[in-house]
Amino acid sequence: MLDRQQVQKIAHLARLDITPAEEEQFAGQLSGILDYFEQLSELDTENVPPTTRAIELSNITRQDTFELYTDRSALLEEAPSPEGDFFRVPQILNTDEA
């Protein structure tokens, strides 16, 4: 079983600020997860081929095609907040210098 000191170290590495009550709670939960992995390691997987997923899936996609769209004004009319001949989008990068 993990102790509180080990949970504190894990929380520090994950940059989590947790309370002493959460340390106790997580110690039990993380120990349970590790115990489960120990159970899994007891399984005989010698003749089991490696897979990437439990069931086989195939992705059905269409071929990408390039199509020139010439009605610029129709596109701009659909934009939530056009600005002149351009699309106005929310700022996603912080411009403040640190």
PDB file of N, CA and C in Angstrom:
ATOM      1  N   MET A   1       0.852  -1.184   0.000  1.00  0.00           N
ATOM      2  CA  MET A   1       0.000   0.000   0.000  1.00  0.00           C
ATOM      3  C   MET A   1       0.887   1.234   0.000  1.00  0.00           C
ATOM      4  N   LEU A   2       0.491   2.202  -0.803  1.00  0.00           N
ATOM      5  CA  LEU A   2       1.218   3.465  -0.855  1.00  0.00           C
ATOM      6  C   LEU A   2       0.979   4.241   0.428  1.00  0.00           C
ATOM      7  N   ASP A   3       2.000   4.944   0.884  1.00  0.00           N
ATOM      8  CA  ASP A   3       1.798   5.798   2.052  1.00  0.00           C
ATOM      9  C   ASP A   3       1.594   7.248   1.600  1.00  0.00           C
ATOM     10  N   ARG A   4       1.289   8.099   2.566  1.00  0.00           N
ATOM     11  CA  ARG A   4       0.980   9.494   2.228  1.00  0.00           C
ATOM     12  C   ARG A   4       2.177  10.201   1.609  1.00  0.00           C
ATOM     13  N   GLN A   5       3.380   9.854   2.028  1.00  0.00           N
ATOM     14  CA  GLN A   5       4.571  10.491   1.478  1.00  0.00           C
ATOM     15  C   GLN A   5       4.712  10.180  -0.012  1.00  0.00           C
ATOM     16  N   GLN A   6       4.433   8.955  -0.406  1.00  0.00           N
ATOM     17  CA  GLN A   6       4.491   8.594  -1.828  1.00  0.00           C
ATOM     18  C   GLN A   6       3.406   9.321  -2.610  1.00  0.00           C
ATOM     19  N   VAL A   7       2.219   9.447  -2.022  1.00  0.00           N
ATOM     20  CA  VAL A   7       1.131  10.176  -2.687  1.00  0.00           C
ATOM     21  C   VAL A   7       1.501  11.644  -2.829  1.00  0.00           C
ATOM     22  N   GLN A   8       2.124  12.227  -1.807  1.00  0.00           N
ATOM     23  CA  GLN A   8       2.566  13.623  -1.895  1.00  0.00           C
ATOM     24  C   GLN A   8       3.570  13.806  -3.029  1.00  0.00           C
ATOM     25  N   LYS A   9       4.481  12.842  -3.182  1.00  0.00           N
ATOM     26  CA  LYS A   9       5.474  12.927  -4.258  1.00  0.00           C
ATOM     27  C   LYS A   9       4.797  12.847  -5.622  1.00  0.00           C
ATOM     28  N   ILE A  10       3.840  11.928  -5.762  1.00  0.00           N
ATOM     29  CA  ILE A  10       3.107  11.800  -7.028  1.00  0.00           C
ATOM     30  C   ILE A  10       2.343  13.080  -7.326  1.00  0.00           C
ATOM     31  N   ALA A  11       1.682  13.632  -6.298  1.00  0.00           N
ATOM     32  CA  ALA A  11       0.933  14.873  -6.478  1.00  0.00           C
ATOM     33  C   ALA A  11       1.861  16.010  -6.879  1.00  0.00           C
ATOM     34  N   HIS A  12       3.036  16.068  -6.269  1.00  0.00           N
ATOM     35  CA  HIS A  12       4.015  17.108  -6.619  1.00  0.00           C
ATOM     36  C   HIS A  12       4.452  16.972  -8.074  1.00  0.00           C
ATOM     37  N   LEU A  13       4.753  15.742  -8.502  1.00  0.00           N
ATOM     38  CA  LEU A  13       5.181  15.518  -9.885  1.00  0.00           C
ATOM     39  C   LEU A  13       4.081  15.859 -10.878  1.00  0.00           C
ATOM     40  N   ALA A  14       2.825  15.635 -10.481  1.00  0.00           N
ATOM     41  CA  ALA A  14       1.686  15.938 -11.353  1.00  0.00           C
ATOM     42  C   ALA A  14       1.222  17.382 -11.194  1.00  0.00           C
ATOM     43  N   ARG A  15       1.924  18.137 -10.349  1.00  0.00           N
ATOM     44  CA  ARG A  15       1.581  19.541 -10.087  1.00  0.00           C
ATOM     45  C   ARG A  15       0.156  19.677  -9.551  1.00  0.00           C
ATOM     46  N   LEU A  16      -0.216  18.785  -8.618  1.00  0.00           N
ATOM     47  CA  LEU A  16      -1.528  18.819  -7.997  1.00  0.00           C
ATOM     48  C   LEU A  16      -1.408  19.321  -6.573  1.00  0.00           C
ATOM     49  N   ASP A  17      -2.328  20.161  -6.171  1.00  0.00           N
ATOM     50  CA  ASP A  17      -2.386  20.646  -4.798  1.00  0.00           C
ATOM     51  C   ASP A  17      -3.533  19.902  -4.121  1.00  0.00           C
ATOM     52  N   ILE A  18      -3.205  18.920  -3.292  1.00  0.00           N
ATOM     53  CA  ILE A  18      -4.243  18.102  -2.671  1.00  0.00           C
ATOM     54  C   ILE A  18      -4.194  18.257  -1.150  1.00  0.00           C
ATOM     55  N   THR A  19      -5.331  18.048  -0.539  1.00  0.00           N
ATOM     56  CA  THR A  19      -5.462  18.172   0.913  1.00  0.00           C
ATOM     57  C   THR A  19      -5.011  16.881   1.588  1.00  0.00           C
ATOM     58  N   PRO A  20      -4.747  16.927   2.892  1.00  0.00           N
ATOM     59  CA  PRO A  20      -4.399  15.692   3.618  1.00  0.00           C
ATOM     60  C   PRO A  20      -5.488  14.621   3.509  1.00  0.00           C
ATOM     61  N   ALA A  21      -6.747  15.020   3.501  1.00  0.00           N
ATOM     62  CA  ALA A  21      -7.828  14.042   3.346  1.00  0.00           C
ATOM     63  C   ALA A  21      -7.758  13.376   1.978  1.00  0.00           C
ATOM     64  N   GLU A  22      -7.440  14.161   0.950  1.00  0.00           N
ATOM     65  CA  GLU A  22      -7.313  13.598  -0.394  1.00  0.00           C
ATOM     66  C   GLU A  22      -6.097  12.681  -0.486  1.00  0.00           C
ATOM     67  N   GLU A  23      -5.031  13.007   0.257  1.00  0.00           N
ATOM     68  CA  GLU A  23      -3.851  12.133   0.270  1.00  0.00           C
ATOM     69  C   GLU A  23      -4.232  10.750   0.772  1.00  0.00           C
ATOM     70  N   GLU A  24      -4.999  10.695   1.848  1.00  0.00           N
ATOM     71  CA  GLU A  24      -5.448   9.410   2.389  1.00  0.00           C
ATOM     72  C   GLU A  24      -6.323   8.671   1.379  1.00  0.00           C
ATOM     73  N   GLN A  25      -7.250   9.396   0.772  1.00  0.00           N
ATOM     74  CA  GLN A  25      -8.165   8.797  -0.208  1.00  0.00           C
ATOM     75  C   GLN A  25      -7.383   8.251  -1.405  1.00  0.00           C
ATOM     76  N   PHE A  26      -6.469   9.064  -1.937  1.00  0.00           N
ATOM     77  CA  PHE A  26      -5.711   8.655  -3.113  1.00  0.00           C
ATOM     78  C   PHE A  26      -4.754   7.513  -2.807  1.00  0.00           C
ATOM     79  N   ALA A  27      -4.247   7.457  -1.569  1.00  0.00           N
ATOM     80  CA  ALA A  27      -3.342   6.361  -1.203  1.00  0.00           C
ATOM     81  C   ALA A  27      -4.062   5.029  -1.376  1.00  0.00           C
ATOM     82  N   GLY A  28      -5.304   4.958  -0.908  1.00  0.00           N
ATOM     83  CA  GLY A  28      -6.072   3.725  -1.060  1.00  0.00           C
ATOM     84  C   GLY A  28      -6.414   3.431  -2.508  1.00  0.00           C
ATOM     85  N   GLN A  29      -6.822   4.461  -3.241  1.00  0.00           N
ATOM     86  CA  GLN A  29      -7.222   4.256  -4.638  1.00  0.00           C
ATOM     87  C   GLN A  29      -6.031   3.840  -5.500  1.00  0.00           C
ATOM     88  N   LEU A  30      -4.903   4.534  -5.336  1.00  0.00           N
ATOM     89  CA  LEU A  30      -3.727   4.199  -6.139  1.00  0.00           C
ATOM     90  C   LEU A  30      -3.198   2.817  -5.783  1.00  0.00           C
ATOM     91  N   SER A  31      -3.269   2.458  -4.511  1.00  0.00           N
ATOM     92  CA  SER A  31      -2.842   1.116  -4.104  1.00  0.00           C
ATOM     93  C   SER A  31      -3.724   0.059  -4.752  1.00  0.00           C
ATOM     94  N   GLY A  32      -5.031   0.328  -4.824  1.00  0.00           N
ATOM     95  CA  GLY A  32      -5.943  -0.606  -5.484  1.00  0.00           C
ATOM     96  C   GLY A  32      -5.613  -0.783  -6.954  1.00  0.00           C
ATOM     97  N   ILE A  33      -5.254   0.300  -7.609  1.00  0.00           N
ATOM     98  CA  ILE A  33      -4.891   0.230  -9.027  1.00  0.00           C
ATOM     99  C   ILE A  33      -3.617  -0.603  -9.204  1.00  0.00           C
ATOM    100  N   LEU A  34      -2.632  -0.361  -8.349  1.00  0.00           N
ATOM    101  CA  LEU A  34      -1.380  -1.123  -8.439  1.00  0.00           C
ATOM    102  C   LEU A  34      -1.603  -2.597  -8.136  1.00  0.00           C
ATOM    103  N   ASP A  35      -2.481  -2.896  -7.175  1.00  0.00           N
ATOM    104  CA  ASP A  35      -2.814  -4.299  -6.876  1.00  0.00           C
ATOM    105  C   ASP A  35      -3.443  -4.976  -8.091  1.00  0.00           C
ATOM    106  N   TYR A  36      -4.307  -4.242  -8.805  1.00  0.00           N
ATOM    107  CA  TYR A  36      -4.949  -4.795  -9.992  1.00  0.00           C
ATOM    108  C   TYR A  36      -3.906  -5.117 -11.062  1.00  0.00           C
ATOM    109  N   PHE A  37      -2.930  -4.233 -11.243  1.00  0.00           N
ATOM    110  CA  PHE A  37      -1.876  -4.491 -12.224  1.00  0.00           C
ATOM    111  C   PHE A  37      -1.047  -5.709 -11.830  1.00  0.00           C
ATOM    112  N   GLU A  38      -0.850  -5.909 -10.534  1.00  0.00           N
ATOM    113  CA  GLU A  38      -0.136  -7.106 -10.101  1.00  0.00           C
ATOM    114  C   GLU A  38      -0.925  -8.359 -10.458  1.00  0.00           C
ATOM    115  N   GLN A  39      -2.251  -8.304 -10.322  1.00  0.00           N
ATOM    116  CA  GLN A  39      -3.086  -9.443 -10.713  1.00  0.00           C
ATOM    117  C   GLN A  39      -2.950  -9.708 -12.210  1.00  0.00           C
ATOM    118  N   LEU A  40      -2.941  -8.635 -12.998  1.00  0.00           N
ATOM    119  CA  LEU A  40      -2.818  -8.798 -14.450  1.00  0.00           C
ATOM    120  C   LEU A  40      -1.470  -9.410 -14.829  1.00  0.00           C
ATOM    121  N   SER A  41      -0.431  -9.092 -14.087  1.00  0.00           N
ATOM    122  CA  SER A  41       0.889  -9.630 -14.431  1.00  0.00           C
ATOM    123  C   SER A  41       0.972 -11.135 -14.178  1.00  0.00           C
ATOM    124  N   GLU A  42       0.028 -11.698 -13.423  1.00  0.00           N
ATOM    125  CA  GLU A  42       0.018 -13.132 -13.170  1.00  0.00           C
ATOM    126  C   GLU A  42      -0.580 -13.927 -14.336  1.00  0.00           C
ATOM    127  N   LEU A  43      -1.228 -13.244 -15.265  1.00  0.00           N
ATOM    128  CA  LEU A  43      -1.835 -13.922 -16.409  1.00  0.00           C
ATOM    129  C   LEU A  43      -0.768 -14.441 -17.361  1.00  0.00           C
ATOM    130  N   ASP A  44      -1.041 -15.602 -17.950  1.00  0.00           N
ATOM    131  CA  ASP A  44      -0.133 -16.179 -18.938  1.00  0.00           C
ATOM    132  C   ASP A  44      -0.456 -15.567 -20.301  1.00  0.00           C
ATOM    133  N   THR A  45       0.403 -14.716 -20.764  1.00  0.00           N
ATOM    134  CA  THR A  45       0.201 -14.052 -22.057  1.00  0.00           C
ATOM    135  C   THR A  45       1.260 -14.476 -23.073  1.00  0.00           C
ATOM    136  N   GLU A  46       1.872 -15.604 -22.836  1.00  0.00           N
ATOM    137  CA  GLU A  46       2.966 -16.078 -23.693  1.00  0.00           C
ATOM    138  C   GLU A  46       2.538 -16.232 -25.146  1.00  0.00           C
ATOM    139  N   ASN A  47       1.371 -16.810 -25.407  1.00  0.00           N
ATOM    140  CA  ASN A  47       0.938 -17.069 -26.780  1.00  0.00           C
ATOM    141  C   ASN A  47      -0.138 -16.101 -27.270  1.00  0.00           C
ATOM    142  N   VAL A  48      -0.226 -14.944 -26.653  1.00  0.00           N
ATOM    143  CA  VAL A  48      -1.205 -13.936 -27.052  1.00  0.00           C
ATOM    144  C   VAL A  48      -0.493 -12.910 -27.931  1.00  0.00           C
ATOM    145  N   PRO A  49      -0.949 -12.748 -29.173  1.00  0.00           N
ATOM    146  CA  PRO A  49      -0.271 -11.784 -30.052  1.00  0.00           C
ATOM    147  C   PRO A  49      -0.554 -10.346 -29.607  1.00  0.00           C
ATOM    148  N   PRO A  50       0.410  -9.467 -29.754  1.00  0.00           N
ATOM    149  CA  PRO A  50       0.188  -8.063 -29.373  1.00  0.00           C
ATOM    150  C   PRO A  50      -0.836  -7.406 -30.296  1.00  0.00           C
ATOM    151  N   THR A  51      -1.669  -6.577 -29.712  1.00  0.00           N
ATOM    152  CA  THR A  51      -2.681  -5.848 -30.479  1.00  0.00           C
ATOM    153  C   THR A  51      -2.701  -4.393 -30.046  1.00  0.00           C
ATOM    154  N   THR A  52      -3.286  -3.566 -30.870  1.00  0.00           N
ATOM    155  CA  THR A  52      -3.415  -2.151 -30.511  1.00  0.00           C
ATOM    156  C   THR A  52      -4.760  -1.853 -29.889  1.00  0.00           C
ATOM    157  N   ARG A  53      -5.741  -2.738 -30.106  1.00  0.00           N
ATOM    158  CA  ARG A  53      -7.066  -2.553 -29.496  1.00  0.00           C
ATOM    159  C   ARG A  53      -7.721  -3.912 -29.326  1.00  0.00           C
ATOM    160  N   ALA A  54      -8.728  -3.948 -28.492  1.00  0.00           N
ATOM    161  CA  ALA A  54      -9.369  -5.222 -28.172  1.00  0.00           C
ATOM    162  C   ALA A  54     -10.187  -5.770 -29.338  1.00  0.00           C
ATOM    163  N   ILE A  55     -10.803  -4.890 -30.111  1.00  0.00           N
ATOM    164  CA  ILE A  55     -11.582  -5.337 -31.270  1.00  0.00           C
ATOM    165  C   ILE A  55     -11.044  -4.639 -32.509  1.00  0.00           C
ATOM    166  N   GLU A  56     -11.132  -5.307 -33.622  1.00  0.00           N
ATOM    167  CA  GLU A  56     -10.640  -4.727 -34.873  1.00  0.00           C
ATOM    168  C   GLU A  56     -11.631  -3.703 -35.405  1.00  0.00           C
ATOM    169  N   LEU A  57     -11.135  -2.552 -35.753  1.00  0.00           N
ATOM    170  CA  LEU A  57     -11.944  -1.493 -36.332  1.00  0.00           C
ATOM    171  C   LEU A  57     -11.289  -1.034 -37.623  1.00  0.00           C
ATOM    172  N   SER A  58     -12.109  -0.581 -38.532  1.00  0.00           N
ATOM    173  CA  SER A  58     -11.543   0.039 -39.721  1.00  0.00           C
ATOM    174  C   SER A  58     -12.195   1.402 -39.878  1.00  0.00           C
ATOM    175  N   ASN A  59     -11.382   2.369 -40.170  1.00  0.00           N
ATOM    176  CA  ASN A  59     -11.859   3.737 -40.296  1.00  0.00           C
ATOM    177  C   ASN A  59     -12.324   3.965 -41.726  1.00  0.00           C
ATOM    178  N   ILE A  60     -13.564   4.359 -41.871  1.00  0.00           N
ATOM    179  CA  ILE A  60     -14.115   4.626 -43.194  1.00  0.00           C
ATOM    180  C   ILE A  60     -14.025   6.134 -43.429  1.00  0.00           C
ATOM    181  N   THR A  61     -13.156   6.517 -44.341  1.00  0.00           N
ATOM    182  CA  THR A  61     -12.985   7.932 -44.647  1.00  0.00           C
ATOM    183  C   THR A  61     -13.111   8.145 -46.140  1.00  0.00           C
ATOM    184  N   ARG A  62     -13.437   9.342 -46.472  1.00  0.00           N
ATOM    185  CA  ARG A  62     -13.524   9.679 -47.895  1.00  0.00           C
ATOM    186  C   ARG A  62     -12.195  10.267 -48.342  1.00  0.00           C
ATOM    187  N   GLN A  63     -11.949  10.216 -49.600  1.00  0.00           N
ATOM    188  CA  GLN A  63     -10.747  10.794 -50.171  1.00  0.00           C
ATOM    189  C   GLN A  63     -10.835  12.320 -50.094  1.00  0.00           C
ATOM    190  N   ASP A  64      -9.758  12.970 -49.653  1.00  0.00           N
ATOM    191  CA  ASP A  64      -9.732  14.428 -49.638  1.00  0.00           C
ATOM    192  C   ASP A  64      -9.671  14.938 -51.072  1.00  0.00           C
ATOM    193  N   THR A  65     -10.467  15.952 -51.347  1.00  0.00           N
ATOM    194  CA  THR A  65     -10.437  16.561 -52.673  1.00  0.00           C
ATOM    195  C   THR A  65     -10.317  18.065 -52.526  1.00  0.00           C
ATOM    196  N   PHE A  66      -9.599  18.676 -53.429  1.00  0.00           N
ATOM    197  CA  PHE A  66      -9.446  20.119 -53.448  1.00  0.00           C
ATOM    198  C   PHE A  66     -10.534  20.697 -54.348  1.00  0.00           C
ATOM    199  N   GLU A  67     -11.235  21.676 -53.820  1.00  0.00           N
ATOM    200  CA  GLU A  67     -12.299  22.302 -54.595  1.00  0.00           C
ATOM    201  C   GLU A  67     -12.229  23.801 -54.365  1.00  0.00           C
ATOM    202  N   LEU A  68     -12.058  24.561 -55.408  1.00  0.00           N
ATOM    203  CA  LEU A  68     -11.971  26.005 -55.314  1.00  0.00           C
ATOM    204  C   LEU A  68     -13.372  26.576 -55.143  1.00  0.00           C
ATOM    205  N   TYR A  69     -13.566  27.371 -54.095  1.00  0.00           N
ATOM    206  CA  TYR A  69     -14.872  27.978 -53.833  1.00  0.00           C
ATOM    207  C   TYR A  69     -14.761  29.449 -54.176  1.00  0.00           C
ATOM    208  N   THR A  70     -15.494  29.880 -55.165  1.00  0.00           N
ATOM    209  CA  THR A  70     -15.317  31.236 -55.693  1.00  0.00           C
ATOM    210  C   THR A  70     -16.265  32.268 -55.106  1.00  0.00           C
ATOM    211  N   ASP A  71     -17.295  31.862 -54.374  1.00  0.00           N
ATOM    212  CA  ASP A  71     -18.274  32.813 -53.844  1.00  0.00           C
ATOM    213  C   ASP A  71     -17.847  33.274 -52.448  1.00  0.00           C
ATOM    214  N   ARG A  72     -16.870  34.167 -52.428  1.00  0.00           N
ATOM    215  CA  ARG A  72     -16.308  34.661 -51.165  1.00  0.00           C
ATOM    216  C   ARG A  72     -17.344  35.369 -50.304  1.00  0.00           C
ATOM    217  N   SER A  73     -18.212  36.138 -50.904  1.00  0.00           N
ATOM    218  CA  SER A  73     -19.214  36.884 -50.122  1.00  0.00           C
ATOM    219  C   SER A  73     -20.182  35.935 -49.418  1.00  0.00           C
ATOM    220  N   ALA A  74     -20.524  34.817 -50.039  1.00  0.00           N
ATOM    221  CA  ALA A  74     -21.420  33.843 -49.397  1.00  0.00           C
ATOM    222  C   ALA A  74     -20.743  33.238 -48.171  1.00  0.00           C
ATOM    223  N   LEU A  75     -19.442  32.963 -48.271  1.00  0.00           N
ATOM    224  CA  LEU A  75     -18.715  32.437 -47.121  1.00  0.00           C
ATOM    225  C   LEU A  75     -18.671  33.454 -45.983  1.00  0.00           C
ATOM    226  N   LEU A  76     -18.387  34.708 -46.318  1.00  0.00           N
ATOM    227  CA  LEU A  76     -18.307  35.741 -45.287  1.00  0.00           C
ATOM    228  C   LEU A  76     -19.656  35.989 -44.626  1.00  0.00           C
ATOM    229  N   GLU A  77     -20.747  35.805 -45.367  1.00  0.00           N
ATOM    230  CA  GLU A  77     -22.081  35.978 -44.781  1.00  0.00           C
ATOM    231  C   GLU A  77     -22.367  34.931 -43.709  1.00  0.00           C
ATOM    232  N   GLU A  78     -21.746  33.755 -43.822  1.00  0.00           N
ATOM    233  CA  GLU A  78     -21.951  32.681 -42.855  1.00  0.00           C
ATOM    234  C   GLU A  78     -21.080  32.836 -41.612  1.00  0.00           C
ATOM    235  N   ALA A  79     -20.081  33.708 -41.658  1.00  0.00           N
ATOM    236  CA  ALA A  79     -19.171  33.893 -40.525  1.00  0.00           C
ATOM    237  C   ALA A  79     -19.895  34.612 -39.388  1.00  0.00           C
ATOM    238  N   PRO A  80     -19.623  34.231 -38.128  1.00  0.00           N
ATOM    239  CA  PRO A  80     -20.297  34.877 -36.999  1.00  0.00           C
ATOM    240  C   PRO A  80     -19.944  36.358 -36.866  1.00  0.00           C
ATOM    241  N   SER A  81     -18.690  36.734 -37.162  1.00  0.00           N
ATOM    242  CA  SER A  81     -18.317  38.149 -37.069  1.00  0.00           C
ATOM    243  C   SER A  81     -17.239  38.476 -38.099  1.00  0.00           C
ATOM    244  N   PRO A  82     -17.654  38.627 -39.360  1.00  0.00           N
ATOM    245  CA  PRO A  82     -16.658  38.965 -40.386  1.00  0.00           C
ATOM    246  C   PRO A  82     -16.122  40.382 -40.156  1.00  0.00           C
ATOM    247  N   GLU A  83     -14.910  40.606 -40.631  1.00  0.00           N
ATOM    248  CA  GLU A  83     -14.307  41.933 -40.532  1.00  0.00           C
ATOM    249  C   GLU A  83     -13.761  42.286 -41.905  1.00  0.00           C
ATOM    250  N   GLY A  84     -14.516  43.052 -42.643  1.00  0.00           N
ATOM    251  CA  GLY A  84     -14.130  43.380 -44.011  1.00  0.00           C
ATOM    252  C   GLY A  84     -14.179  42.131 -44.866  1.00  0.00           C
ATOM    253  N   ASP A  85     -13.071  41.826 -45.534  1.00  0.00           N
ATOM    254  CA  ASP A  85     -12.966  40.625 -46.365  1.00  0.00           C
ATOM    255  C   ASP A  85     -12.356  39.445 -45.608  1.00  0.00           C
ATOM    256  N   PHE A  86     -12.336  39.512 -44.280  1.00  0.00           N
ATOM    257  CA  PHE A  86     -11.664  38.484 -43.488  1.00  0.00           C
ATOM    258  C   PHE A  86     -12.602  37.891 -42.447  1.00  0.00           C
ATOM    259  N   PHE A  87     -12.225  36.716 -41.949  1.00  0.00           N
ATOM    260  CA  PHE A  87     -12.930  36.074 -40.843  1.00  0.00           C
ATOM    261  C   PHE A  87     -12.302  36.546 -39.537  1.00  0.00           C
ATOM    262  N   ARG A  88     -13.106  37.035 -38.630  1.00  0.00           N
ATOM    263  CA  ARG A  88     -12.594  37.413 -37.308  1.00  0.00           C
ATOM    264  C   ARG A  88     -12.737  36.194 -36.393  1.00  0.00           C
ATOM    265  N   VAL A  89     -11.615  35.822 -35.749  1.00  0.00           N
ATOM    266  CA  VAL A  89     -11.611  34.656 -34.864  1.00  0.00           C
ATOM    267  C   VAL A  89     -11.131  35.076 -33.476  1.00  0.00           C
ATOM    268  N   PRO A  90     -11.490  34.312 -32.434  1.00  0.00           N
ATOM    269  CA  PRO A  90     -11.030  34.671 -31.090  1.00  0.00           C
ATOM    270  C   PRO A  90      -9.517  34.527 -30.967  1.00  0.00           C
ATOM    271  N   GLN A  91      -8.920  35.380 -30.146  1.00  0.00           N
ATOM    272  CA  GLN A  91      -7.486  35.307 -29.896  1.00  0.00           C
ATOM    273  C   GLN A  91      -7.192  34.067 -29.070  1.00  0.00           C
ATOM    274  N   ILE A  92      -6.194  33.290 -29.488  1.00  0.00           N
ATOM    275  CA  ILE A  92      -5.860  32.076 -28.755  1.00  0.00           C
ATOM    276  C   ILE A  92      -4.468  32.130 -28.138  1.00  0.00           C
ATOM    277  N   LEU A  93      -3.659  33.075 -28.534  1.00  0.00           N
ATOM    278  CA  LEU A  93      -2.314  33.190 -27.997  1.00  0.00           C
ATOM    279  C   LEU A  93      -2.225  34.419 -27.109  1.00  0.00           C
ATOM    280  N   ASN A  94      -1.510  34.284 -26.013  1.00  0.00           N
ATOM    281  CA  ASN A  94      -1.308  35.402 -25.100  1.00  0.00           C
ATOM    282  C   ASN A  94      -0.180  36.256 -25.649  1.00  0.00           C
ATOM    283  N   THR A  95      -0.402  37.545 -25.797  1.00  0.00           N
ATOM    284  CA  THR A  95       0.624  38.426 -26.344  1.00  0.00           C
ATOM    285  C   THR A  95       1.388  39.152 -25.260  1.00  0.00           C
ATOM    286  N   ASP A  96       1.053  38.926 -23.977  1.00  0.00           N
ATOM    287  CA  ASP A  96       1.779  39.582 -22.883  1.00  0.00           C
ATOM    288  C   ASP A  96       3.166  38.990 -22.772  1.00  0.00           C
ATOM    289  N   GLU A  97       4.167  39.869 -22.695  1.00  0.00           N
ATOM    290  CA  GLU A  97       5.544  39.420 -22.518  1.00  0.00           C
ATOM    291  C   GLU A  97       5.766  39.137 -21.038  1.00  0.00           C
ATOM    292  N   ALA A  98       6.424  38.039 -20.719  1.00  0.00           N
ATOM    293  CA  ALA A  98       6.686  37.707 -19.315  1.00  0.00           C
ATOM    294  C   ALA A  98       8.025  38.201 -18.874  1.00  0.00           C
TER     295      ALA A  98
END
